[in-house]
Amino acid sequence: MARNGSLSACSLVADTAMGLKDAPFSVAFSAAVEKAARSGTLRQAEAAVLLAFGRECGQYDLTRQTALIKGCLAQLERLREEARGQAVARGQIYRVMGVAGGAALALLLL
């Protein structure tokens, strides 16, 4: 599935699946998350949430697993919203810098 399936475009899933040939899920998933963090695909905060998930996944009963998944999803959603806010702020800064640069250029040309 990792090589030819619909999830092959997601390197985290593909790397985890490939790692399952030689290691249990927690080890394969952790290695894939660390690889994604090193490559810049994941930020450190995101990697930390996923690493915690990988360590605990499959260790508890259904109720605790469900709570673990919901908690990780909530943390990842919070991180996504933070990243979205930072991107918007950076976009505003770049627009202001562009306008200021254009105004400075216009003044130089006068």
PDB file of N, CA and C in Angstrom:
ATOM      1  N   MET A   1       0.818  -1.186   0.000  1.00  0.00           N
ATOM      2  CA  MET A   1       0.000   0.000   0.000  1.00  0.00           C
ATOM      3  C   MET A   1       0.864   1.252   0.000  1.00  0.00           C
ATOM      4  N   ALA A   2       1.973   1.247   0.710  1.00  0.00           N
ATOM      5  CA  ALA A   2       2.806   2.447   0.781  1.00  0.00           C
ATOM      6  C   ALA A   2       3.413   2.786  -0.569  1.00  0.00           C
ATOM      7  N   ARG A   3       3.760   1.785  -1.352  1.00  0.00           N
ATOM      8  CA  ARG A   3       4.383   2.071  -2.642  1.00  0.00           C
ATOM      9  C   ARG A   3       3.387   2.454  -3.713  1.00  0.00           C
ATOM     10  N   ASN A   4       2.280   1.744  -3.787  1.00  0.00           N
ATOM     11  CA  ASN A   4       1.383   1.926  -4.918  1.00  0.00           C
ATOM     12  C   ASN A   4       0.001   2.443  -4.548  1.00  0.00           C
ATOM     13  N   GLY A   5      -0.334   2.500  -3.278  1.00  0.00           N
ATOM     14  CA  GLY A   5      -1.670   2.881  -2.865  1.00  0.00           C
ATOM     15  C   GLY A   5      -1.893   4.373  -2.888  1.00  0.00           C
ATOM     16  N   SER A   6      -3.109   4.755  -2.530  1.00  0.00           N
ATOM     17  CA  SER A   6      -3.476   6.164  -2.556  1.00  0.00           C
ATOM     18  C   SER A   6      -2.740   6.978  -1.500  1.00  0.00           C
ATOM     19  N   LEU A   7      -2.170   6.337  -0.503  1.00  0.00           N
ATOM     20  CA  LEU A   7      -1.455   7.057   0.551  1.00  0.00           C
ATOM     21  C   LEU A   7       0.030   7.203   0.257  1.00  0.00           C
ATOM     22  N   SER A   8       0.475   6.761  -0.910  1.00  0.00           N
ATOM     23  CA  SER A   8       1.906   6.795  -1.200  1.00  0.00           C
ATOM     24  C   SER A   8       2.459   8.212  -1.272  1.00  0.00           C
ATOM     25  N   ALA A   9       1.599   9.216  -1.536  1.00  0.00           N
ATOM     26  CA  ALA A   9       2.070  10.595  -1.613  1.00  0.00           C
ATOM     27  C   ALA A   9       2.419  11.142  -0.232  1.00  0.00           C
ATOM     28  N   CYS A  10       1.900  10.543   0.812  1.00  0.00           N
ATOM     29  CA  CYS A  10       2.182  10.998   2.177  1.00  0.00           C
ATOM     30  C   CYS A  10       3.409  10.259   2.686  1.00  0.00           C
ATOM     31  N   SER A  11       4.525  10.953   2.754  1.00  0.00           N
ATOM     32  CA  SER A  11       5.775  10.286   3.120  1.00  0.00           C
ATOM     33  C   SER A  11       5.738   9.729   4.534  1.00  0.00           C
ATOM     34  N   LEU A  12       5.023  10.354   5.436  1.00  0.00           N
ATOM     35  CA  LEU A  12       4.937   9.850   6.806  1.00  0.00           C
ATOM     36  C   LEU A  12       4.288   8.470   6.827  1.00  0.00           C
ATOM     37  N   VAL A  13       3.206   8.322   6.093  1.00  0.00           N
ATOM     38  CA  VAL A  13       2.520   7.035   6.024  1.00  0.00           C
ATOM     39  C   VAL A  13       3.389   6.018   5.290  1.00  0.00           C
ATOM     40  N   ALA A  14       3.953   6.434   4.170  1.00  0.00           N
ATOM     41  CA  ALA A  14       4.784   5.518   3.383  1.00  0.00           C
ATOM     42  C   ALA A  14       6.011   5.065   4.172  1.00  0.00           C
ATOM     43  N   ASP A  15       6.670   6.008   4.841  1.00  0.00           N
ATOM     44  CA  ASP A  15       7.858   5.647   5.622  1.00  0.00           C
ATOM     45  C   ASP A  15       7.505   4.742   6.796  1.00  0.00           C
ATOM     46  N   THR A  16       6.371   4.987   7.416  1.00  0.00           N
ATOM     47  CA  THR A  16       5.922   4.109   8.513  1.00  0.00           C
ATOM     48  C   THR A  16       5.650   2.715   7.980  1.00  0.00           C
ATOM     49  N   ALA A  17       4.937   2.632   6.865  1.00  0.00           N
ATOM     50  CA  ALA A  17       4.613   1.325   6.289  1.00  0.00           C
ATOM     51  C   ALA A  17       5.875   0.556   5.916  1.00  0.00           C
ATOM     52  N   MET A  18       6.846   1.256   5.348  1.00  0.00           N
ATOM     53  CA  MET A  18       8.102   0.586   4.990  1.00  0.00           C
ATOM     54  C   MET A  18       8.841   0.112   6.243  1.00  0.00           C
ATOM     55  N   GLY A  19       8.783   0.892   7.302  1.00  0.00           N
ATOM     56  CA  GLY A  19       9.458   0.538   8.535  1.00  0.00           C
ATOM     57  C   GLY A  19       8.831  -0.639   9.253  1.00  0.00           C
ATOM     58  N   LEU A  20       7.557  -0.902   8.954  1.00  0.00           N
ATOM     59  CA  LEU A  20       6.862  -2.012   9.608  1.00  0.00           C
ATOM     60  C   LEU A  20       7.394  -3.380   9.177  1.00  0.00           C
ATOM     61  N   LYS A  21       8.174  -3.402   8.121  1.00  0.00           N
ATOM     62  CA  LYS A  21       8.784  -4.668   7.681  1.00  0.00           C
ATOM     63  C   LYS A  21       9.748  -5.198   8.730  1.00  0.00           C
ATOM     64  N   ASP A  22      10.434  -4.277   9.430  1.00  0.00           N
ATOM     65  CA  ASP A  22      11.502  -4.674  10.342  1.00  0.00           C
ATOM     66  C   ASP A  22      11.276  -4.281  11.797  1.00  0.00           C
ATOM     67  N   ALA A  23      10.224  -3.502  12.082  1.00  0.00           N
ATOM     68  CA  ALA A  23      10.066  -2.977  13.442  1.00  0.00           C
ATOM     69  C   ALA A  23       8.587  -2.881  13.814  1.00  0.00           C
ATOM     70  N   PRO A  24       8.302  -2.830  15.098  1.00  0.00           N
ATOM     71  CA  PRO A  24       6.913  -2.620  15.516  1.00  0.00           C
ATOM     72  C   PRO A  24       6.451  -1.209  15.166  1.00  0.00           C
ATOM     73  N   PHE A  25       5.146  -0.987  15.229  1.00  0.00           N
ATOM     74  CA  PHE A  25       4.572   0.293  14.826  1.00  0.00           C
ATOM     75  C   PHE A  25       5.227   1.470  15.524  1.00  0.00           C
ATOM     76  N   SER A  26       5.381   1.412  16.843  1.00  0.00           N
ATOM     77  CA  SER A  26       5.904   2.577  17.571  1.00  0.00           C
ATOM     78  C   SER A  26       7.285   2.981  17.075  1.00  0.00           C
ATOM     79  N   VAL A  27       8.120   2.015  16.758  1.00  0.00           N
ATOM     80  CA  VAL A  27       9.475   2.297  16.277  1.00  0.00           C
ATOM     81  C   VAL A  27       9.428   2.840  14.846  1.00  0.00           C
ATOM     82  N   ALA A  28       8.644   2.186  13.987  1.00  0.00           N
ATOM     83  CA  ALA A  28       8.542   2.614  12.583  1.00  0.00           C
ATOM     84  C   ALA A  28       7.930   4.010  12.476  1.00  0.00           C
ATOM     85  N   PHE A  29       6.879   4.252  13.257  1.00  0.00           N
ATOM     86  CA  PHE A  29       6.213   5.551  13.216  1.00  0.00           C
ATOM     87  C   PHE A  29       7.140   6.644  13.745  1.00  0.00           C
ATOM     88  N   SER A  30       7.828   6.384  14.835  1.00  0.00           N
ATOM     89  CA  SER A  30       8.753   7.374  15.405  1.00  0.00           C
ATOM     90  C   SER A  30       9.856   7.722  14.423  1.00  0.00           C
ATOM     91  N   ALA A  31      10.402   6.714  13.749  1.00  0.00           N
ATOM     92  CA  ALA A  31      11.459   6.965  12.763  1.00  0.00           C
ATOM     93  C   ALA A  31      10.926   7.820  11.613  1.00  0.00           C
ATOM     94  N   ALA A  32       9.692   7.542  11.174  1.00  0.00           N
ATOM     95  CA  ALA A  32       9.103   8.319  10.079  1.00  0.00           C
ATOM     96  C   ALA A  32       8.840   9.762  10.509  1.00  0.00           C
ATOM     97  N   VAL A  33       8.374   9.957  11.737  1.00  0.00           N
ATOM     98  CA  VAL A  33       8.122  11.307  12.242  1.00  0.00           C
ATOM     99  C   VAL A  33       9.434  12.077  12.357  1.00  0.00           C
ATOM    100  N   GLU A  34      10.458  11.438  12.896  1.00  0.00           N
ATOM    101  CA  GLU A  34      11.755  12.101  13.032  1.00  0.00           C
ATOM    102  C   GLU A  34      12.330  12.469  11.665  1.00  0.00           C
ATOM    103  N   LYS A  35      12.158  11.603  10.682  1.00  0.00           N
ATOM    104  CA  LYS A  35      12.628  11.898   9.324  1.00  0.00           C
ATOM    105  C   LYS A  35      11.877  13.109   8.760  1.00  0.00           C
ATOM    106  N   ALA A  36      10.571  13.143   8.971  1.00  0.00           N
ATOM    107  CA  ALA A  36       9.772  14.269   8.480  1.00  0.00           C
ATOM    108  C   ALA A  36      10.177  15.569   9.176  1.00  0.00           C
ATOM    109  N   ALA A  37      10.499  15.494  10.458  1.00  0.00           N
ATOM    110  CA  ALA A  37      10.929  16.691  11.188  1.00  0.00           C
ATOM    111  C   ALA A  37      12.284  17.187  10.677  1.00  0.00           C
ATOM    112  N   ARG A  38      13.196  16.254  10.422  1.00  0.00           N
ATOM    113  CA  ARG A  38      14.523  16.648   9.904  1.00  0.00           C
ATOM    114  C   ARG A  38      14.416  17.290   8.531  1.00  0.00           C
ATOM    115  N   SER A  39      13.485  16.803   7.716  1.00  0.00           N
ATOM    116  CA  SER A  39      13.350  17.331   6.353  1.00  0.00           C
ATOM    117  C   SER A  39      12.573  18.643   6.312  1.00  0.00           C
ATOM    118  N   GLY A  40      11.973  19.025   7.445  1.00  0.00           N
ATOM    119  CA  GLY A  40      11.204  20.261   7.473  1.00  0.00           C
ATOM    120  C   GLY A  40       9.739  20.085   7.142  1.00  0.00           C
ATOM    121  N   THR A  41       9.311  18.854   6.875  1.00  0.00           N
ATOM    122  CA  THR A  41       7.907  18.591   6.586  1.00  0.00           C
ATOM    123  C   THR A  41       7.054  18.844   7.822  1.00  0.00           C
ATOM    124  N   LEU A  42       7.588  18.523   8.985  1.00  0.00           N
ATOM    125  CA  LEU A  42       6.906  18.762  10.256  1.00  0.00           C
ATOM    126  C   LEU A  42       7.722  19.744  11.086  1.00  0.00           C
ATOM    127  N   ARG A  43       7.019  20.629  11.785  1.00  0.00           N
ATOM    128  CA  ARG A  43       7.701  21.485  12.754  1.00  0.00           C
ATOM    129  C   ARG A  43       7.947  20.662  14.019  1.00  0.00           C
ATOM    130  N   GLN A  44       8.844  21.124  14.867  1.00  0.00           N
ATOM    131  CA  GLN A  44       9.202  20.371  16.079  1.00  0.00           C
ATOM    132  C   GLN A  44       7.999  20.139  16.982  1.00  0.00           C
ATOM    133  N   ALA A  45       7.131  21.123  17.117  1.00  0.00           N
ATOM    134  CA  ALA A  45       5.956  20.974  17.982  1.00  0.00           C
ATOM    135  C   ALA A  45       5.022  19.891  17.449  1.00  0.00           C
ATOM    136  N   GLU A  46       4.851  19.849  16.142  1.00  0.00           N
ATOM    137  CA  GLU A  46       4.011  18.816  15.531  1.00  0.00           C
ATOM    138  C   GLU A  46       4.636  17.445  15.716  1.00  0.00           C
ATOM    139  N   ALA A  47       5.939  17.376  15.516  1.00  0.00           N
ATOM    140  CA  ALA A  47       6.644  16.113  15.686  1.00  0.00           C
ATOM    141  C   ALA A  47       6.518  15.608  17.120  1.00  0.00           C
ATOM    142  N   ALA A  48       6.592  16.506  18.091  1.00  0.00           N
ATOM    143  CA  ALA A  48       6.484  16.107  19.492  1.00  0.00           C
ATOM    144  C   ALA A  48       5.123  15.475  19.784  1.00  0.00           C
ATOM    145  N   VAL A  49       4.068  16.052  19.238  1.00  0.00           N
ATOM    146  CA  VAL A  49       2.720  15.494  19.434  1.00  0.00           C
ATOM    147  C   VAL A  49       2.633  14.109  18.801  1.00  0.00           C
ATOM    148  N   LEU A  50       3.135  13.987  17.582  1.00  0.00           N
ATOM    149  CA  LEU A  50       3.065  12.702  16.882  1.00  0.00           C
ATOM    150  C   LEU A  50       3.954  11.647  17.535  1.00  0.00           C
ATOM    151  N   LEU A  51       5.102  12.040  18.041  1.00  0.00           N
ATOM    152  CA  LEU A  51       5.970  11.078  18.733  1.00  0.00           C
ATOM    153  C   LEU A  51       5.297  10.551  19.997  1.00  0.00           C
ATOM    154  N   ALA A  52       4.631  11.436  20.732  1.00  0.00           N
ATOM    155  CA  ALA A  52       3.901  10.998  21.932  1.00  0.00           C
ATOM    156  C   ALA A  52       2.786  10.034  21.547  1.00  0.00           C
ATOM    157  N   PHE A  53       2.094  10.333  20.461  1.00  0.00           N
ATOM    158  CA  PHE A  53       1.046   9.438  19.973  1.00  0.00           C
ATOM    159  C   PHE A  53       1.631   8.068  19.626  1.00  0.00           C
ATOM    160  N   GLY A  54       2.725   8.060  18.892  1.00  0.00           N
ATOM    161  CA  GLY A  54       3.342   6.810  18.472  1.00  0.00           C
ATOM    162  C   GLY A  54       3.795   5.947  19.636  1.00  0.00           C
ATOM    163  N   ARG A  55       4.285   6.582  20.694  1.00  0.00           N
ATOM    164  CA  ARG A  55       4.732   5.825  21.872  1.00  0.00           C
ATOM    165  C   ARG A  55       3.572   5.143  22.579  1.00  0.00           C
ATOM    166  N   GLU A  56       2.409   5.795  22.594  1.00  0.00           N
ATOM    167  CA  GLU A  56       1.288   5.278  23.372  1.00  0.00           C
ATOM    168  C   GLU A  56       0.267   4.507  22.556  1.00  0.00           C
ATOM    169  N   CYS A  57       0.323   4.621  21.256  1.00  0.00           N
ATOM    170  CA  CYS A  57      -0.656   3.953  20.397  1.00  0.00           C
ATOM    171  C   CYS A  57      -0.584   2.440  20.580  1.00  0.00           C
ATOM    172  N   GLY A  58      -1.721   1.832  20.825  1.00  0.00           N
ATOM    173  CA  GLY A  58      -1.793   0.385  20.980  1.00  0.00           C
ATOM    174  C   GLY A  58      -1.446  -0.126  22.356  1.00  0.00           C
ATOM    175  N   GLN A  59      -1.204   0.771  23.300  1.00  0.00           N
ATOM    176  CA  GLN A  59      -0.786   0.367  24.640  1.00  0.00           C
ATOM    177  C   GLN A  59      -1.949   0.223  25.614  1.00  0.00           C
ATOM    178  N   TYR A  60      -3.110   0.786  25.278  1.00  0.00           N
ATOM    179  CA  TYR A  60      -4.206   0.864  26.236  1.00  0.00           C
ATOM    180  C   TYR A  60      -5.505   0.338  25.640  1.00  0.00           C
ATOM    181  N   ASP A  61      -6.559   0.353  26.463  1.00  0.00           N
ATOM    182  CA  ASP A  61      -7.870  -0.102  26.005  1.00  0.00           C
ATOM    183  C   ASP A  61      -8.496   0.929  25.061  1.00  0.00           C
ATOM    184  N   LEU A  62      -9.622   0.577  24.491  1.00  0.00           N
ATOM    185  CA  LEU A  62     -10.276   1.405  23.480  1.00  0.00           C
ATOM    186  C   LEU A  62     -10.617   2.800  24.009  1.00  0.00           C
ATOM    187  N   THR A  63     -11.086   2.879  25.230  1.00  0.00           N
ATOM    188  CA  THR A  63     -11.463   4.179  25.791  1.00  0.00           C
ATOM    189  C   THR A  63     -10.261   5.104  25.889  1.00  0.00           C
ATOM    190  N   ARG A  64      -9.161   4.599  26.393  1.00  0.00           N
ATOM    191  CA  ARG A  64      -7.949   5.431  26.507  1.00  0.00           C
ATOM    192  C   ARG A  64      -7.355   5.746  25.144  1.00  0.00           C
ATOM    193  N   GLN A  65      -7.450   4.794  24.216  1.00  0.00           N
ATOM    194  CA  GLN A  65      -6.942   5.048  22.853  1.00  0.00           C
ATOM    195  C   GLN A  65      -7.746   6.155  22.188  1.00  0.00           C
ATOM    196  N   THR A  66      -9.066   6.116  22.373  1.00  0.00           N
ATOM    197  CA  THR A  66      -9.924   7.152  21.802  1.00  0.00           C
ATOM    198  C   THR A  66      -9.577   8.511  22.395  1.00  0.00           C
ATOM    199  N   ALA A  67      -9.376   8.560  23.700  1.00  0.00           N
ATOM    200  CA  ALA A  67      -8.992   9.813  24.353  1.00  0.00           C
ATOM    201  C   ALA A  67      -7.629  10.291  23.848  1.00  0.00           C
ATOM    202  N   LEU A  68      -6.691   9.370  23.656  1.00  0.00           N
ATOM    203  CA  LEU A  68      -5.367   9.710  23.138  1.00  0.00           C
ATOM    204  C   LEU A  68      -5.482  10.333  21.751  1.00  0.00           C
ATOM    205  N   ILE A  69      -6.254   9.713  20.896  1.00  0.00           N
ATOM    206  CA  ILE A  69      -6.421  10.212  19.525  1.00  0.00           C
ATOM    207  C   ILE A  69      -7.084  11.589  19.540  1.00  0.00           C
ATOM    208  N   LYS A  70      -8.137  11.753  20.332  1.00  0.00           N
ATOM    209  CA  LYS A  70      -8.816  13.053  20.403  1.00  0.00           C
ATOM    210  C   LYS A  70      -7.875  14.132  20.935  1.00  0.00           C
ATOM    211  N   GLY A  71      -7.082  13.788  21.942  1.00  0.00           N
ATOM    212  CA  GLY A  71      -6.137  14.752  22.495  1.00  0.00           C
ATOM    213  C   GLY A  71      -5.081  15.169  21.478  1.00  0.00           C
ATOM    214  N   CYS A  72      -4.554  14.202  20.751  1.00  0.00           N
ATOM    215  CA  CYS A  72      -3.540  14.508  19.727  1.00  0.00           C
ATOM    216  C   CYS A  72      -4.138  15.349  18.611  1.00  0.00           C
ATOM    217  N   LEU A  73      -5.355  15.003  18.189  1.00  0.00           N
ATOM    218  CA  LEU A  73      -6.006  15.793  17.144  1.00  0.00           C
ATOM    219  C   LEU A  73      -6.238  17.227  17.604  1.00  0.00           C
ATOM    220  N   ALA A  74      -6.635  17.412  18.854  1.00  0.00           N
ATOM    221  CA  ALA A  74      -6.850  18.764  19.377  1.00  0.00           C
ATOM    222  C   ALA A  74      -5.542  19.548  19.400  1.00  0.00           C
ATOM    223  N   GLN A  75      -4.465  18.911  19.814  1.00  0.00           N
ATOM    224  CA  GLN A  75      -3.168  19.589  19.837  1.00  0.00           C
ATOM    225  C   GLN A  75      -2.717  19.961  18.428  1.00  0.00           C
ATOM    226  N   LEU A  76      -2.892  19.039  17.486  1.00  0.00           N
ATOM    227  CA  LEU A  76      -2.490  19.319  16.101  1.00  0.00           C
ATOM    228  C   LEU A  76      -3.354  20.419  15.489  1.00  0.00           C
ATOM    229  N   GLU A  77      -4.632  20.448  15.827  1.00  0.00           N
ATOM    230  CA  GLU A  77      -5.516  21.502  15.336  1.00  0.00           C
ATOM    231  C   GLU A  77      -5.072  22.864  15.886  1.00  0.00           C
ATOM    232  N   ARG A  78      -4.708  22.908  17.170  1.00  0.00           N
ATOM    233  CA  ARG A  78      -4.227  24.142  17.775  1.00  0.00           C
ATOM    234  C   ARG A  78      -2.950  24.613  17.069  1.00  0.00           C
ATOM    235  N   LEU A  79      -2.047  23.683  16.792  1.00  0.00           N
ATOM    236  CA  LEU A  79      -0.804  24.034  16.095  1.00  0.00           C
ATOM    237  C   LEU A  79      -1.085  24.520  14.676  1.00  0.00           C
ATOM    238  N   ARG A  80      -2.066  23.918  14.030  1.00  0.00           N
ATOM    239  CA  ARG A  80      -2.421  24.356  12.675  1.00  0.00           C
ATOM    240  C   ARG A  80      -2.958  25.778  12.695  1.00  0.00           C
ATOM    241  N   GLU A  81      -3.803  26.087  13.681  1.00  0.00           N
ATOM    242  CA  GLU A  81      -4.351  27.437  13.784  1.00  0.00           C
ATOM    243  C   GLU A  81      -3.254  28.452  14.093  1.00  0.00           C
ATOM    244  N   GLU A  82      -2.305  28.068  14.941  1.00  0.00           N
ATOM    245  CA  GLU A  82      -1.172  28.959  15.219  1.00  0.00           C
ATOM    246  C   GLU A  82      -0.375  29.223  13.946  1.00  0.00           C
ATOM    247  N   ALA A  83      -0.118  28.175  13.176  1.00  0.00           N
ATOM    248  CA  ALA A  83       0.640  28.327  11.930  1.00  0.00           C
ATOM    249  C   ALA A  83      -0.120  29.199  10.938  1.00  0.00           C
ATOM    250  N   ARG A  84      -1.426  29.014  10.876  1.00  0.00           N
ATOM    251  CA  ARG A  84      -2.247  29.828   9.973  1.00  0.00           C
ATOM    252  C   ARG A  84      -2.177  31.299  10.389  1.00  0.00           C
ATOM    253  N   GLY A  85      -2.257  31.574  11.684  1.00  0.00           N
ATOM    254  CA  GLY A  85      -2.167  32.951  12.176  1.00  0.00           C
ATOM    255  C   GLY A  85      -0.816  33.568  11.870  1.00  0.00           C
ATOM    256  N   GLN A  86       0.253  32.780  12.025  1.00  0.00           N
ATOM    257  CA  GLN A  86       1.593  33.276  11.714  1.00  0.00           C
ATOM    258  C   GLN A  86       1.735  33.578  10.229  1.00  0.00           C
ATOM    259  N   ALA A  87       1.143  32.733   9.391  1.00  0.00           N
ATOM    260  CA  ALA A  87       1.218  32.957   7.940  1.00  0.00           C
ATOM    261  C   ALA A  87       0.485  34.235   7.552  1.00  0.00           C
ATOM    262  N   VAL A  88      -0.670  34.467   8.173  1.00  0.00           N
ATOM    263  CA  VAL A  88      -1.424  35.691   7.893  1.00  0.00           C
ATOM    264  C   VAL A  88      -0.620  36.910   8.338  1.00  0.00           C
ATOM    265  N   ALA A  89      -0.022  36.832   9.528  1.00  0.00           N
ATOM    266  CA  ALA A  89       0.776  37.954  10.032  1.00  0.00           C
ATOM    267  C   ALA A  89       1.965  38.224   9.119  1.00  0.00           C
ATOM    268  N   ARG A  90       2.640  37.160   8.679  1.00  0.00           N
ATOM    269  CA  ARG A  90       3.781  37.348   7.764  1.00  0.00           C
ATOM    270  C   ARG A  90       3.320  37.965   6.452  1.00  0.00           C
ATOM    271  N   GLY A  91       2.164  37.546   5.962  1.00  0.00           N
ATOM    272  CA  GLY A  91       1.634  38.122   4.725  1.00  0.00           C
ATOM    273  C   GLY A  91       1.366  39.605   4.863  1.00  0.00           C
ATOM    274  N   GLN A  92       0.831  40.010   6.020  1.00  0.00           N
ATOM    275  CA  GLN A  92       0.564  41.429   6.256  1.00  0.00           C
ATOM    276  C   GLN A  92       1.872  42.216   6.325  1.00  0.00           C
ATOM    277  N   ILE A  93       2.860  41.641   6.960  1.00  0.00           N
ATOM    278  CA  ILE A  93       4.169  42.315   7.055  1.00  0.00           C
ATOM    279  C   ILE A  93       4.759  42.512   5.664  1.00  0.00           C
ATOM    280  N   TYR A  94       4.687  41.482   4.834  1.00  0.00           N
ATOM    281  CA  TYR A  94       5.243  41.585   3.487  1.00  0.00           C
ATOM    282  C   TYR A  94       4.496  42.619   2.653  1.00  0.00           C
ATOM    283  N   ARG A  95       3.176  42.708   2.826  1.00  0.00           N
ATOM    284  CA  ARG A  95       2.410  43.718   2.089  1.00  0.00           C
ATOM    285  C   ARG A  95       2.825  45.124   2.522  1.00  0.00           C
ATOM    286  N   VAL A  96       2.953  45.329   3.830  1.00  0.00           N
ATOM    287  CA  VAL A  96       3.356  46.642   4.341  1.00  0.00           C
ATOM    288  C   VAL A  96       4.753  46.980   3.848  1.00  0.00           C
ATOM    289  N   MET A  97       5.659  46.004   3.867  1.00  0.00           N
ATOM    290  CA  MET A  97       7.017  46.251   3.381  1.00  0.00           C
ATOM    291  C   MET A  97       6.998  46.590   1.895  1.00  0.00           C
ATOM    292  N   GLY A  98       6.143  45.943   1.141  1.00  0.00           N
ATOM    293  CA  GLY A  98       6.038  46.235  -0.283  1.00  0.00           C
ATOM    294  C   GLY A  98       5.540  47.638  -0.543  1.00  0.00           C
ATOM    295  N   VAL A  99       4.521  48.040   0.208  1.00  0.00           N
ATOM    296  CA  VAL A  99       3.983  49.396   0.062  1.00  0.00           C
ATOM    297  C   VAL A  99       5.032  50.425   0.486  1.00  0.00           C
ATOM    298  N   ALA A 100       5.699  50.156   1.605  1.00  0.00           N
ATOM    299  CA  ALA A 100       6.735  51.093   2.073  1.00  0.00           C
ATOM    300  C   ALA A 100       7.886  51.170   1.076  1.00  0.00           C
ATOM    301  N   GLY A 101       8.282  50.022   0.528  1.00  0.00           N
ATOM    302  CA  GLY A 101       9.354  50.021  -0.471  1.00  0.00           C
ATOM    303  C   GLY A 101       8.940  50.783  -1.717  1.00  0.00           C
ATOM    304  N   GLY A 102       7.697  50.605  -2.135  1.00  0.00           N
ATOM    305  CA  GLY A 102       7.200  51.344  -3.294  1.00  0.00           C
ATOM    306  C   GLY A 102       7.154  52.829  -3.047  1.00  0.00           C
ATOM    307  N   ALA A 103       6.745  53.220  -1.839  1.00  0.00           N
ATOM    308  CA  ALA A 103       6.699  54.642  -1.489  1.00  0.00           C
ATOM    309  C   ALA A 103       8.127  55.223  -1.448  1.00  0.00           C
ATOM    310  N   ALA A 104       9.065  54.453  -0.909  1.00  0.00           N
ATOM    311  CA  ALA A 104      10.450  54.934  -0.847  1.00  0.00           C
ATOM    312  C   ALA A 104      11.018  55.100  -2.249  1.00  0.00           C
ATOM    313  N   LEU A 105      10.706  54.164  -3.115  1.00  0.00           N
ATOM    314  CA  LEU A 105      11.178  54.262  -4.497  1.00  0.00           C
ATOM    315  C   LEU A 105      10.571  55.474  -5.196  1.00  0.00           C
ATOM    316  N   ALA A 106       9.281  55.710  -4.953  1.00  0.00           N
ATOM    317  CA  ALA A 106       8.621  56.875  -5.561  1.00  0.00           C
ATOM    318  C   ALA A 106       9.271  58.178  -5.078  1.00  0.00           C
ATOM    319  N   LEU A 107       9.598  58.237  -3.787  1.00  0.00           N
ATOM    320  CA  LEU A 107      10.265  59.436  -3.256  1.00  0.00           C
ATOM    321  C   LEU A 107      11.656  59.632  -3.869  1.00  0.00           C
ATOM    322  N   LEU A 108      12.363  58.544  -4.087  1.00  0.00           N
ATOM    323  CA  LEU A 108      13.681  58.645  -4.698  1.00  0.00           C
ATOM    324  C   LEU A 108      13.597  59.130  -6.137  1.00  0.00           C
ATOM    325  N   LEU A 109      12.548  58.757  -6.828  1.00  0.00           N
ATOM    326  CA  LEU A 109      12.401  59.148  -8.213  1.00  0.00           C
ATOM    327  C   LEU A 109      11.951  60.602  -8.370  1.00  0.00           C
ATOM    328  N   LEU A 110      11.414  61.174  -7.299  1.00  0.00           N
ATOM    329  CA  LEU A 110      10.963  62.581  -7.374  1.00  0.00           C
ATOM    330  C   LEU A 110      12.097  63.500  -7.283  1.00  0.00           C
TER     331      LEU A 110
END
